[in-house]
Amino acid sequence: MALMRQSGRSEIEHSYKADSSLSDEGVEYAQQLYEFIMRRRRAERERLAADGEDERPLTIWSSARRRCAETCLPFRDAGYRVKELSQISEINPGVIGARRGSMLI
């Protein structure tokens, strides 16, 4: 199982409300993320095989936001299961600079 915590850069970065597509840089990030996880998975597969254990199936959990779904495309295209959950979508991150220091935790 993998949980997508960070999507690639989107075309509109200045607003958390914008549900825009990935920028070219975001598409490149998605591909590099896929390649990184596949390298880690191969290494894990080899370790498990040496220990006589089976590899667990990979499921990717993602926000339902467009940029997150597009970050998962390389996995989906490779045949991995990608599940979208609206519960893990980004919510209002707030504006920390506008708060008083004593209010910060």
N, C-alpha and C. Protein backbone atom coordinates (compact mmCIF):
# COMPACT_ATOMS: atom_id res chain seq x y z
N MET A 1 0.84 -1.17 0.00
CA MET A 1 0.00 0.00 0.00
C MET A 1 0.89 1.23 0.00
N ALA A 2 0.49 2.23 -0.72
CA ALA A 2 1.18 3.52 -0.72
C ALA A 2 0.13 4.61 -0.66
N LEU A 3 0.42 5.64 0.10
CA LEU A 3 -0.49 6.77 0.22
C LEU A 3 0.18 7.97 -0.42
N MET A 4 -0.49 8.58 -1.39
CA MET A 4 0.06 9.76 -2.03
C MET A 4 -0.11 10.95 -1.11
N ARG A 5 0.97 11.42 -0.58
CA ARG A 5 0.93 12.55 0.32
C ARG A 5 1.16 13.86 -0.41
N GLN A 6 1.92 13.82 -1.45
CA GLN A 6 2.27 15.04 -2.17
C GLN A 6 2.07 14.82 -3.65
N SER A 7 1.27 15.68 -4.25
CA SER A 7 1.07 15.58 -5.69
C SER A 7 2.16 16.37 -6.39
N GLY A 8 2.24 16.19 -7.71
CA GLY A 8 3.16 16.99 -8.50
C GLY A 8 2.66 18.43 -8.59
N ARG A 9 3.51 19.32 -9.06
CA ARG A 9 3.11 20.73 -9.23
C ARG A 9 1.97 20.85 -10.22
N SER A 10 1.03 21.71 -9.88
CA SER A 10 -0.10 21.91 -10.78
C SER A 10 0.08 23.21 -11.55
N GLU A 11 -0.79 23.43 -12.52
CA GLU A 11 -0.72 24.63 -13.34
C GLU A 11 -1.07 25.87 -12.53
N ILE A 12 -1.90 25.73 -11.50
CA ILE A 12 -2.28 26.85 -10.65
C ILE A 12 -1.81 26.52 -9.24
N GLU A 13 -0.73 27.13 -8.80
CA GLU A 13 -0.13 26.81 -7.51
C GLU A 13 -0.55 27.75 -6.39
N HIS A 14 -1.11 28.88 -6.70
CA HIS A 14 -1.35 29.90 -5.68
C HIS A 14 -2.61 29.69 -4.85
N SER A 15 -3.42 28.69 -5.16
CA SER A 15 -4.65 28.49 -4.42
C SER A 15 -4.89 27.00 -4.17
N TYR A 16 -5.14 26.65 -2.91
CA TYR A 16 -5.44 25.26 -2.60
C TYR A 16 -6.79 24.86 -3.19
N LYS A 17 -7.66 25.84 -3.47
CA LYS A 17 -8.99 25.55 -4.01
C LYS A 17 -8.94 25.15 -5.48
N ALA A 18 -7.93 25.62 -6.19
CA ALA A 18 -7.84 25.32 -7.62
C ALA A 18 -7.62 23.83 -7.82
N ASP A 19 -8.39 23.23 -8.68
CA ASP A 19 -8.25 21.79 -8.96
C ASP A 19 -7.73 21.67 -10.38
N SER A 20 -6.53 22.16 -10.60
CA SER A 20 -5.98 22.20 -11.94
C SER A 20 -5.16 20.96 -12.26
N SER A 21 -4.87 20.80 -13.53
CA SER A 21 -4.04 19.69 -14.00
C SER A 21 -2.58 19.93 -13.61
N LEU A 22 -1.80 18.88 -13.72
CA LEU A 22 -0.37 18.99 -13.45
C LEU A 22 0.31 19.85 -14.50
N SER A 23 1.31 20.60 -14.07
CA SER A 23 2.17 21.32 -15.00
C SER A 23 3.14 20.30 -15.62
N ASP A 24 3.94 20.74 -16.57
CA ASP A 24 4.96 19.85 -17.15
C ASP A 24 5.90 19.34 -16.06
N GLU A 25 6.24 20.21 -15.12
CA GLU A 25 7.11 19.83 -14.01
C GLU A 25 6.40 18.78 -13.13
N GLY A 26 5.10 18.93 -12.94
CA GLY A 26 4.33 17.97 -12.16
C GLY A 26 4.26 16.61 -12.82
N VAL A 27 4.13 16.59 -14.15
CA VAL A 27 4.10 15.32 -14.89
C VAL A 27 5.45 14.61 -14.74
N GLU A 28 6.53 15.39 -14.81
CA GLU A 28 7.88 14.82 -14.63
C GLU A 28 8.03 14.26 -13.22
N TYR A 29 7.54 14.99 -12.21
CA TYR A 29 7.57 14.53 -10.83
C TYR A 29 6.82 13.20 -10.70
N ALA A 30 5.64 13.11 -11.30
CA ALA A 30 4.84 11.88 -11.23
C ALA A 30 5.61 10.69 -11.79
N GLN A 31 6.29 10.90 -12.91
CA GLN A 31 7.06 9.82 -13.52
C GLN A 31 8.25 9.43 -12.64
N GLN A 32 8.94 10.43 -12.08
CA GLN A 32 10.08 10.14 -11.21
C GLN A 32 9.63 9.44 -9.93
N LEU A 33 8.48 9.84 -9.40
CA LEU A 33 7.93 9.18 -8.22
C LEU A 33 7.63 7.72 -8.51
N TYR A 34 7.01 7.46 -9.66
CA TYR A 34 6.72 6.09 -10.07
C TYR A 34 8.01 5.27 -10.16
N GLU A 35 9.02 5.81 -10.83
CA GLU A 35 10.28 5.10 -10.99
C GLU A 35 10.95 4.84 -9.65
N PHE A 36 10.90 5.81 -8.73
CA PHE A 36 11.48 5.64 -7.40
C PHE A 36 10.79 4.51 -6.66
N ILE A 37 9.47 4.51 -6.65
CA ILE A 37 8.73 3.47 -5.93
C ILE A 37 8.96 2.10 -6.57
N MET A 38 9.08 2.05 -7.89
CA MET A 38 9.34 0.77 -8.55
C MET A 38 10.72 0.24 -8.20
N ARG A 39 11.72 1.12 -8.09
CA ARG A 39 13.06 0.69 -7.66
C ARG A 39 13.01 0.13 -6.24
N ARG A 40 12.32 0.83 -5.35
CA ARG A 40 12.19 0.36 -3.97
C ARG A 40 11.44 -0.96 -3.91
N ARG A 41 10.44 -1.08 -4.76
CA ARG A 41 9.63 -2.31 -4.79
C ARG A 41 10.47 -3.50 -5.29
N ARG A 42 11.30 -3.27 -6.31
CA ARG A 42 12.18 -4.35 -6.80
C ARG A 42 13.13 -4.81 -5.71
N ALA A 43 13.72 -3.85 -4.99
CA ALA A 43 14.64 -4.19 -3.91
C ALA A 43 13.91 -4.98 -2.82
N GLU A 44 12.70 -4.56 -2.49
CA GLU A 44 11.90 -5.27 -1.49
C GLU A 44 11.54 -6.67 -1.97
N ARG A 45 11.20 -6.79 -3.25
CA ARG A 45 10.86 -8.10 -3.84
C ARG A 45 12.05 -9.06 -3.70
N GLU A 46 13.25 -8.57 -3.99
CA GLU A 46 14.45 -9.40 -3.87
C GLU A 46 14.69 -9.82 -2.43
N ARG A 47 14.50 -8.91 -1.48
CA ARG A 47 14.68 -9.24 -0.07
C ARG A 47 13.67 -10.28 0.37
N LEU A 48 12.41 -10.11 -0.04
CA LEU A 48 11.37 -11.06 0.33
C LEU A 48 11.64 -12.44 -0.26
N ALA A 49 12.08 -12.47 -1.52
CA ALA A 49 12.37 -13.74 -2.17
C ALA A 49 13.50 -14.48 -1.44
N ALA A 50 14.50 -13.73 -1.01
CA ALA A 50 15.61 -14.34 -0.28
C ALA A 50 15.14 -14.92 1.05
N ASP A 51 14.11 -14.30 1.64
CA ASP A 51 13.57 -14.79 2.92
C ASP A 51 12.43 -15.78 2.73
N GLY A 52 12.10 -16.11 1.47
CA GLY A 52 11.02 -17.06 1.19
C GLY A 52 9.63 -16.49 1.42
N GLU A 53 9.50 -15.18 1.39
CA GLU A 53 8.21 -14.53 1.61
C GLU A 53 7.62 -14.03 0.29
N ASP A 54 6.31 -13.84 0.28
CA ASP A 54 5.63 -13.33 -0.91
C ASP A 54 5.50 -11.81 -0.85
N GLU A 55 5.50 -11.22 -2.02
CA GLU A 55 5.30 -9.78 -2.13
C GLU A 55 3.82 -9.45 -1.97
N ARG A 56 3.54 -8.37 -1.27
CA ARG A 56 2.16 -7.94 -1.12
C ARG A 56 1.76 -7.08 -2.32
N PRO A 57 0.49 -7.11 -2.71
CA PRO A 57 0.05 -6.28 -3.83
C PRO A 57 0.16 -4.80 -3.48
N LEU A 58 0.40 -4.01 -4.48
CA LEU A 58 0.54 -2.56 -4.30
C LEU A 58 -0.76 -1.88 -4.66
N THR A 59 -1.31 -1.14 -3.71
CA THR A 59 -2.47 -0.30 -3.96
C THR A 59 -2.07 1.12 -3.61
N ILE A 60 -2.39 2.06 -4.48
CA ILE A 60 -2.08 3.47 -4.26
C ILE A 60 -3.36 4.15 -3.80
N TRP A 61 -3.29 4.86 -2.68
CA TRP A 61 -4.42 5.63 -2.16
C TRP A 61 -4.14 7.10 -2.43
N SER A 62 -5.11 7.76 -3.02
CA SER A 62 -4.92 9.13 -3.47
C SER A 62 -6.13 9.99 -3.14
N SER A 63 -5.88 11.26 -3.03
CA SER A 63 -6.96 12.24 -2.95
C SER A 63 -7.73 12.21 -4.27
N ALA A 64 -8.95 12.67 -4.25
CA ALA A 64 -9.74 12.73 -5.48
C ALA A 64 -9.45 13.99 -6.29
N ARG A 65 -8.56 14.83 -5.80
CA ARG A 65 -8.20 16.05 -6.53
C ARG A 65 -7.53 15.69 -7.85
N ARG A 66 -7.76 16.50 -8.86
CA ARG A 66 -7.22 16.24 -10.21
C ARG A 66 -5.71 16.07 -10.20
N ARG A 67 -5.00 16.98 -9.54
CA ARG A 67 -3.53 16.91 -9.56
C ARG A 67 -3.02 15.64 -8.89
N CYS A 68 -3.73 15.17 -7.86
CA CYS A 68 -3.32 13.93 -7.20
C CYS A 68 -3.60 12.73 -8.11
N ALA A 69 -4.79 12.73 -8.71
CA ALA A 69 -5.14 11.65 -9.63
C ALA A 69 -4.14 11.58 -10.79
N GLU A 70 -3.75 12.74 -11.31
CA GLU A 70 -2.79 12.77 -12.42
C GLU A 70 -1.39 12.34 -11.95
N THR A 71 -1.04 12.62 -10.70
CA THR A 71 0.24 12.16 -10.16
C THR A 71 0.28 10.63 -10.12
N CYS A 72 -0.89 10.02 -9.96
CA CYS A 72 -0.99 8.55 -9.89
C CYS A 72 -1.08 7.88 -11.27
N LEU A 73 -1.20 8.66 -12.33
CA LEU A 73 -1.37 8.06 -13.67
C LEU A 73 -0.30 7.05 -14.05
N PRO A 74 0.99 7.29 -13.79
CA PRO A 74 1.98 6.27 -14.16
C PRO A 74 1.71 4.91 -13.50
N PHE A 75 1.21 4.93 -12.27
CA PHE A 75 0.88 3.68 -11.58
C PHE A 75 -0.34 3.02 -12.23
N ARG A 76 -1.35 3.82 -12.49
CA ARG A 76 -2.57 3.30 -13.11
C ARG A 76 -2.25 2.74 -14.50
N ASP A 77 -1.43 3.46 -15.27
CA ASP A 77 -1.05 3.01 -16.61
C ASP A 77 -0.27 1.69 -16.57
N ALA A 78 0.46 1.48 -15.47
CA ALA A 78 1.25 0.25 -15.33
C ALA A 78 0.40 -0.90 -14.77
N GLY A 79 -0.88 -0.64 -14.50
CA GLY A 79 -1.77 -1.69 -14.05
C GLY A 79 -1.95 -1.80 -12.54
N TYR A 80 -1.40 -0.85 -11.79
CA TYR A 80 -1.58 -0.88 -10.34
C TYR A 80 -2.94 -0.30 -9.97
N ARG A 81 -3.46 -0.78 -8.87
CA ARG A 81 -4.75 -0.31 -8.39
C ARG A 81 -4.58 1.05 -7.72
N VAL A 82 -5.36 2.03 -8.15
CA VAL A 82 -5.34 3.36 -7.56
C VAL A 82 -6.74 3.65 -7.03
N LYS A 83 -6.82 3.90 -5.73
CA LYS A 83 -8.11 4.20 -5.11
C LYS A 83 -8.11 5.66 -4.68
N GLU A 84 -9.17 6.34 -5.01
CA GLU A 84 -9.31 7.74 -4.64
C GLU A 84 -10.28 7.87 -3.48
N LEU A 85 -9.88 8.69 -2.51
CA LEU A 85 -10.71 8.95 -1.34
C LEU A 85 -10.86 10.45 -1.15
N SER A 86 -12.07 10.93 -1.16
CA SER A 86 -12.28 12.36 -0.95
C SER A 86 -11.89 12.77 0.47
N GLN A 87 -11.89 11.84 1.40
CA GLN A 87 -11.55 12.14 2.79
C GLN A 87 -10.10 12.59 2.97
N ILE A 88 -9.24 12.27 2.02
CA ILE A 88 -7.84 12.70 2.17
C ILE A 88 -7.50 13.88 1.27
N SER A 89 -8.53 14.55 0.77
CA SER A 89 -8.30 15.75 -0.04
C SER A 89 -7.82 16.89 0.85
N GLU A 90 -7.09 17.78 0.24
CA GLU A 90 -6.57 18.94 0.95
C GLU A 90 -7.74 19.82 1.40
N ILE A 91 -7.65 20.30 2.62
CA ILE A 91 -8.64 21.25 3.10
C ILE A 91 -7.94 22.58 3.30
N ASN A 92 -8.66 23.58 3.71
CA ASN A 92 -8.10 24.91 3.87
C ASN A 92 -6.89 24.87 4.81
N PRO A 93 -5.70 25.16 4.28
CA PRO A 93 -4.50 25.10 5.11
C PRO A 93 -4.35 26.32 6.02
N GLY A 94 -5.19 27.33 5.84
CA GLY A 94 -5.12 28.53 6.68
C GLY A 94 -3.97 29.43 6.27
N VAL A 95 -3.88 30.55 6.94
CA VAL A 95 -2.82 31.52 6.67
C VAL A 95 -2.08 31.74 7.97
N ILE A 96 -0.96 31.10 8.11
CA ILE A 96 -0.20 31.17 9.37
C ILE A 96 0.38 32.54 9.59
N GLY A 97 0.78 33.24 8.55
CA GLY A 97 1.41 34.56 8.72
C GLY A 97 0.47 35.57 9.32
N ALA A 98 -0.82 35.38 9.24
CA ALA A 98 -1.80 36.33 9.76
C ALA A 98 -2.14 36.08 11.23
N ARG A 99 -1.62 35.01 11.80
CA ARG A 99 -1.95 34.67 13.19
C ARG A 99 -0.89 35.22 14.15
N ARG A 100 -1.32 35.48 15.35
CA ARG A 100 -0.38 35.93 16.38
C ARG A 100 0.48 34.75 16.82
N GLY A 101 1.69 35.02 17.19
CA GLY A 101 2.61 33.98 17.64
C GLY A 101 2.06 33.16 18.80
N SER A 102 1.32 33.79 19.70
CA SER A 102 0.80 33.06 20.86
C SER A 102 -0.30 32.08 20.46
N MET A 103 -0.88 32.25 19.26
CA MET A 103 -1.94 31.35 18.82
C MET A 103 -1.38 30.13 18.10
N LEU A 104 -0.11 30.16 17.77
CA LEU A 104 0.49 29.03 17.06
C LEU A 104 0.79 27.92 18.04
N ILE A 105 0.56 26.71 17.60
CA ILE A 105 0.83 25.55 18.46
C ILE A 105 2.15 24.93 18.06
